[in-house]
Amino acid sequence: MVWAWLLIVLATVFVWLLSPSFRTWTERPKFQMLEREALYERAAARHLGAPAAEVPDEQRR
């Protein structure tokens, strides 16, 4: 059973290293969370009347 898990983990790491699309797919939740956090921070700043935190232009919508 240990060998099976080791093989699965090594195969996943190998695919992650070789496939940019797989890497993007696996990292998407991290970027979605960061986008939501930035939206929350901007909304909170607007609600309080404070200037929004610095966010790069490519992330503003």
C-alpha atoms as a PDB file:
ATOM      1  CA  MET A   1       0.000   0.000   0.000  1.00  0.00           C
ATOM      2  CA  VAL A   2       2.861   2.373   0.777  1.00  0.00           C
ATOM      3  CA  TRP A   3       4.396   1.645  -2.607  1.00  0.00           C
ATOM      4  CA  ALA A   4       1.095   2.380  -4.341  1.00  0.00           C
ATOM      5  CA  TRP A   5       0.826   5.794  -2.631  1.00  0.00           C
ATOM      6  CA  LEU A   6       4.439   6.561  -3.402  1.00  0.00           C
ATOM      7  CA  LEU A   7       3.859   5.711  -7.054  1.00  0.00           C
ATOM      8  CA  ILE A   8       0.741   7.933  -7.196  1.00  0.00           C
ATOM      9  CA  VAL A   9       2.563  10.869  -5.612  1.00  0.00           C
ATOM     10  CA  LEU A  10       5.587  10.517  -7.886  1.00  0.00           C
ATOM     11  CA  ALA A  11       3.362  10.236 -10.967  1.00  0.00           C
ATOM     12  CA  THR A  12       1.461  13.364  -9.942  1.00  0.00           C
ATOM     13  CA  VAL A  13       4.680  15.331  -9.387  1.00  0.00           C
ATOM     14  CA  PHE A  14       6.018  14.117 -12.740  1.00  0.00           C
ATOM     15  CA  VAL A  15       2.864  15.231 -14.577  1.00  0.00           C
ATOM     16  CA  TRP A  16       2.874  18.544 -12.681  1.00  0.00           C
ATOM     17  CA  LEU A  17       6.442  19.240 -13.788  1.00  0.00           C
ATOM     18  CA  LEU A  18       5.843  18.349 -17.446  1.00  0.00           C
ATOM     19  CA  SER A  19       2.354  19.763 -18.068  1.00  0.00           C
ATOM     20  CA  PRO A  20       1.744  23.522 -17.772  1.00  0.00           C
ATOM     21  CA  SER A  21      -2.014  23.014 -18.223  1.00  0.00           C
ATOM     22  CA  PHE A  22      -2.120  20.523 -15.324  1.00  0.00           C
ATOM     23  CA  ARG A  23      -0.090  22.937 -13.201  1.00  0.00           C
ATOM     24  CA  THR A  24      -2.537  25.751 -14.003  1.00  0.00           C
ATOM     25  CA  TRP A  25      -5.497  23.524 -13.186  1.00  0.00           C
ATOM     26  CA  THR A  26      -4.069  22.443  -9.819  1.00  0.00           C
ATOM     27  CA  GLU A  27      -3.121  26.004  -8.808  1.00  0.00           C
ATOM     28  CA  ARG A  28      -6.424  27.624  -9.888  1.00  0.00           C
ATOM     29  CA  PRO A  29      -8.056  27.404  -6.397  1.00  0.00           C
ATOM     30  CA  LYS A  30      -5.166  29.396  -4.905  1.00  0.00           C
ATOM     31  CA  PHE A  31      -5.609  32.212  -7.405  1.00  0.00           C
ATOM     32  CA  GLN A  32      -9.399  32.194  -7.018  1.00  0.00           C
ATOM     33  CA  MET A  33      -8.982  32.611  -3.261  1.00  0.00           C
ATOM     34  CA  LEU A  34      -6.536  35.486  -3.759  1.00  0.00           C
ATOM     35  CA  GLU A  35      -8.971  37.206  -6.163  1.00  0.00           C
ATOM     36  CA  ARG A  36     -11.839  36.838  -3.686  1.00  0.00           C
ATOM     37  CA  GLU A  37      -9.671  38.220  -0.893  1.00  0.00           C
ATOM     38  CA  ALA A  38      -8.762  41.248  -3.015  1.00  0.00           C
ATOM     39  CA  LEU A  39     -12.444  41.833  -3.851  1.00  0.00           C
ATOM     40  CA  TYR A  40     -13.333  41.602  -0.165  1.00  0.00           C
ATOM     41  CA  GLU A  41     -10.583  44.046   0.802  1.00  0.00           C
ATOM     42  CA  ARG A  42     -11.673  46.560  -1.865  1.00  0.00           C
ATOM     43  CA  ALA A  43     -15.333  46.263  -0.832  1.00  0.00           C
ATOM     44  CA  ALA A  44     -14.459  46.735   2.834  1.00  0.00           C
ATOM     45  CA  ALA A  45     -12.304  49.758   2.025  1.00  0.00           C
ATOM     46  CA  ARG A  46     -15.108  51.307  -0.048  1.00  0.00           C
ATOM     47  CA  HIS A  47     -17.586  50.671   2.751  1.00  0.00           C
ATOM     48  CA  LEU A  48     -15.333  52.391   5.277  1.00  0.00           C
ATOM     49  CA  GLY A  49     -14.434  55.214   2.891  1.00  0.00           C
ATOM     50  CA  ALA A  50     -10.769  54.322   2.924  1.00  0.00           C
ATOM     51  CA  PRO A  51      -8.666  54.003  -0.235  1.00  0.00           C
ATOM     52  CA  ALA A  52      -8.514  50.469  -1.618  1.00  0.00           C
ATOM     53  CA  ALA A  53      -5.346  48.463  -1.213  1.00  0.00           C
ATOM     54  CA  GLU A  54      -2.891  48.580  -4.065  1.00  0.00           C
ATOM     55  CA  VAL A  55      -3.909  46.003  -6.652  1.00  0.00           C
ATOM     56  CA  PRO A  56      -2.158  45.687 -10.028  1.00  0.00           C
ATOM     57  CA  ASP A  57      -4.204  47.032 -12.945  1.00  0.00           C
ATOM     58  CA  GLU A  58      -4.452  43.651 -14.644  1.00  0.00           C
ATOM     59  CA  GLN A  59      -6.405  42.338 -11.647  1.00  0.00           C
ATOM     60  CA  ARG A  60      -8.877  45.229 -11.492  1.00  0.00           C
ATOM     61  CA  ARG A  61     -12.201  44.663 -13.182  1.00  0.00           C
END
